[in-house]
Amino acid sequence: MDFNQRLKRLSAEKEPFKGDLARFIGVHYLQISRYEEKEATPFADLMTKVSNALCLPSDFLMSVSSDNLANSKLTDKELLN
C-alpha cells in the first residue's frame, strides 16, 4: 500500500479529515486530495507534519519496512540489518 492509498483510507475513516489535516500541516484542503489521488507527493517536512498530525510513524505512511527495502534495493538482507 502506497502513501496515497494509506492517506485515502485514513481519510475515509475520519471525518472531517481533509480540512483539519490541511490546517494542521499548513496546506489547502485540496492539496490533501491531490496527495490521495497521487497527483502530488508531500515533501519530507510535510510528511513529518502529516505523520505527527495522525500520530503515526512516518514509516507507516511511506510504507517503508525492512522487508520492502531489502526486496527493492538490496539483495542481502543481512547487509540491510
C-alpha atoms as a PDB file:
ATOM      1  CA  MET A   1       0.000   0.000   0.000  1.00  0.00           C
ATOM      2  CA  ASP A   2       1.427   3.383  -1.040  1.00  0.00           C
ATOM      3  CA  PHE A   3       1.260   6.710   0.794  1.00  0.00           C
ATOM      4  CA  ASN A   4      -1.722   7.893  -1.239  1.00  0.00           C
ATOM      5  CA  GLN A   5      -3.672   4.708  -0.525  1.00  0.00           C
ATOM      6  CA  ARG A   6      -2.936   4.887   3.208  1.00  0.00           C
ATOM      7  CA  LEU A   7      -3.927   8.548   3.340  1.00  0.00           C
ATOM      8  CA  LYS A   8      -7.130   7.845   1.425  1.00  0.00           C
ATOM      9  CA  ARG A   9      -8.021   5.024   3.832  1.00  0.00           C
ATOM     10  CA  LEU A  10      -7.359   7.231   6.868  1.00  0.00           C
ATOM     11  CA  SER A  11      -9.417   9.996   5.275  1.00  0.00           C
ATOM     12  CA  ALA A  12     -12.361   7.644   4.817  1.00  0.00           C
ATOM     13  CA  GLU A  13     -12.168   6.561   8.456  1.00  0.00           C
ATOM     14  CA  LYS A  14     -12.102  10.063   9.960  1.00  0.00           C
ATOM     15  CA  GLU A  15     -14.441  12.920   9.149  1.00  0.00           C
ATOM     16  CA  PRO A  16     -13.940  15.842   8.718  1.00  0.00           C
ATOM     17  CA  PHE A  17     -10.433  14.897   7.781  1.00  0.00           C
ATOM     18  CA  LYS A  18      -9.060  16.890   4.874  1.00  0.00           C
ATOM     19  CA  GLY A  19      -9.774  20.327   6.295  1.00  0.00           C
ATOM     20  CA  ASP A  20      -8.387  19.524   9.728  1.00  0.00           C
ATOM     21  CA  LEU A  21      -5.279  17.845   8.366  1.00  0.00           C
ATOM     22  CA  ALA A  22      -4.708  20.635   5.850  1.00  0.00           C
ATOM     23  CA  ARG A  23      -4.904  23.297   8.575  1.00  0.00           C
ATOM     24  CA  PHE A  24      -2.536  21.329  10.806  1.00  0.00           C
ATOM     25  CA  ILE A  25       0.155  20.909   8.157  1.00  0.00           C
ATOM     26  CA  GLY A  26      -0.366  24.327   6.539  1.00  0.00           C
ATOM     27  CA  VAL A  27      -1.702  23.454   3.084  1.00  0.00           C
ATOM     28  CA  HIS A  28      -5.007  23.971   1.262  1.00  0.00           C
ATOM     29  CA  TYR A  29      -7.513  21.135   1.774  1.00  0.00           C
ATOM     30  CA  LEU A  30      -7.477  20.431  -1.976  1.00  0.00           C
ATOM     31  CA  GLN A  31      -3.802  19.539  -1.643  1.00  0.00           C
ATOM     32  CA  ILE A  32      -4.798  16.614   0.606  1.00  0.00           C
ATOM     33  CA  SER A  33      -6.976  15.352  -2.264  1.00  0.00           C
ATOM     34  CA  ARG A  34      -4.005  15.674  -4.610  1.00  0.00           C
ATOM     35  CA  TYR A  35      -1.947  13.544  -2.230  1.00  0.00           C
ATOM     36  CA  GLU A  36      -4.723  10.953  -2.091  1.00  0.00           C
ATOM     37  CA  GLU A  37      -5.015  10.779  -5.881  1.00  0.00           C
ATOM     38  CA  LYS A  38      -1.234  10.543  -6.301  1.00  0.00           C
ATOM     39  CA  GLU A  39      -1.189  13.819  -8.223  1.00  0.00           C
ATOM     40  CA  ALA A  40       1.357  15.148  -5.713  1.00  0.00           C
ATOM     41  CA  THR A  41       3.645  13.828  -3.001  1.00  0.00           C
ATOM     42  CA  PRO A  42       4.434  15.869   0.099  1.00  0.00           C
ATOM     43  CA  PHE A  43       8.000  16.957   0.737  1.00  0.00           C
ATOM     44  CA  ALA A  44       9.799  15.414   3.710  1.00  0.00           C
ATOM     45  CA  ASP A  45       8.895  18.248   6.093  1.00  0.00           C
ATOM     46  CA  LEU A  46       5.191  17.938   5.221  1.00  0.00           C
ATOM     47  CA  MET A  47       5.385  14.160   5.510  1.00  0.00           C
ATOM     48  CA  THR A  48       6.642  14.642   9.065  1.00  0.00           C
ATOM     49  CA  LYS A  49       3.773  17.030   9.812  1.00  0.00           C
ATOM     50  CA  VAL A  50       1.256  14.549   8.357  1.00  0.00           C
ATOM     51  CA  SER A  51       2.624  11.714  10.471  1.00  0.00           C
ATOM     52  CA  ASN A  52       2.591  13.936  13.581  1.00  0.00           C
ATOM     53  CA  ALA A  53      -0.970  15.068  12.877  1.00  0.00           C
ATOM     54  CA  LEU A  54      -2.133  11.474  12.542  1.00  0.00           C
ATOM     55  CA  CYS A  55       0.007  10.214  15.449  1.00  0.00           C
ATOM     56  CA  LEU A  56       1.545   7.630  13.139  1.00  0.00           C
ATOM     57  CA  PRO A  57       5.161   6.831  12.353  1.00  0.00           C
ATOM     58  CA  SER A  58       6.418   8.219   9.051  1.00  0.00           C
ATOM     59  CA  ASP A  59       7.430   4.705   8.049  1.00  0.00           C
ATOM     60  CA  PHE A  60       3.795   3.604   8.133  1.00  0.00           C
ATOM     61  CA  LEU A  61       2.703   6.392   5.812  1.00  0.00           C
ATOM     62  CA  MET A  62       5.565   5.843   3.411  1.00  0.00           C
ATOM     63  CA  SER A  63       5.069   2.063   3.530  1.00  0.00           C
ATOM     64  CA  VAL A  64       8.697   1.535   4.371  1.00  0.00           C
ATOM     65  CA  SER A  65       9.650  -1.668   6.097  1.00  0.00           C
ATOM     66  CA  SER A  66      12.912  -3.524   6.248  1.00  0.00           C
ATOM     67  CA  ASP A  67      11.417  -6.254   4.054  1.00  0.00           C
ATOM     68  CA  ASN A  68      10.344  -3.707   1.417  1.00  0.00           C
ATOM     69  CA  LEU A  69      13.763  -2.098   1.439  1.00  0.00           C
ATOM     70  CA  ALA A  70      15.521  -5.425   1.227  1.00  0.00           C
ATOM     71  CA  ASN A  71      13.375  -6.564  -1.674  1.00  0.00           C
ATOM     72  CA  SER A  72      13.579  -3.352  -3.650  1.00  0.00           C
ATOM     73  CA  LYS A  73      17.089  -2.048  -3.034  1.00  0.00           C
ATOM     74  CA  LEU A  74      19.307  -4.699  -1.533  1.00  0.00           C
ATOM     75  CA  THR A  75      19.742  -8.342  -2.284  1.00  0.00           C
ATOM     76  CA  ASP A  76      21.461  -9.154   1.016  1.00  0.00           C
ATOM     77  CA  LYS A  77      19.069  -8.841   3.983  1.00  0.00           C
ATOM     78  CA  GLU A  78      21.979  -9.152   6.436  1.00  0.00           C
ATOM     79  CA  LEU A  79      23.513  -6.066   4.882  1.00  0.00           C
ATOM     80  CA  LEU A  80      20.282  -4.161   5.495  1.00  0.00           C
ATOM     81  CA  ASN A  81      20.242  -5.109   9.189  1.00  0.00           C
END
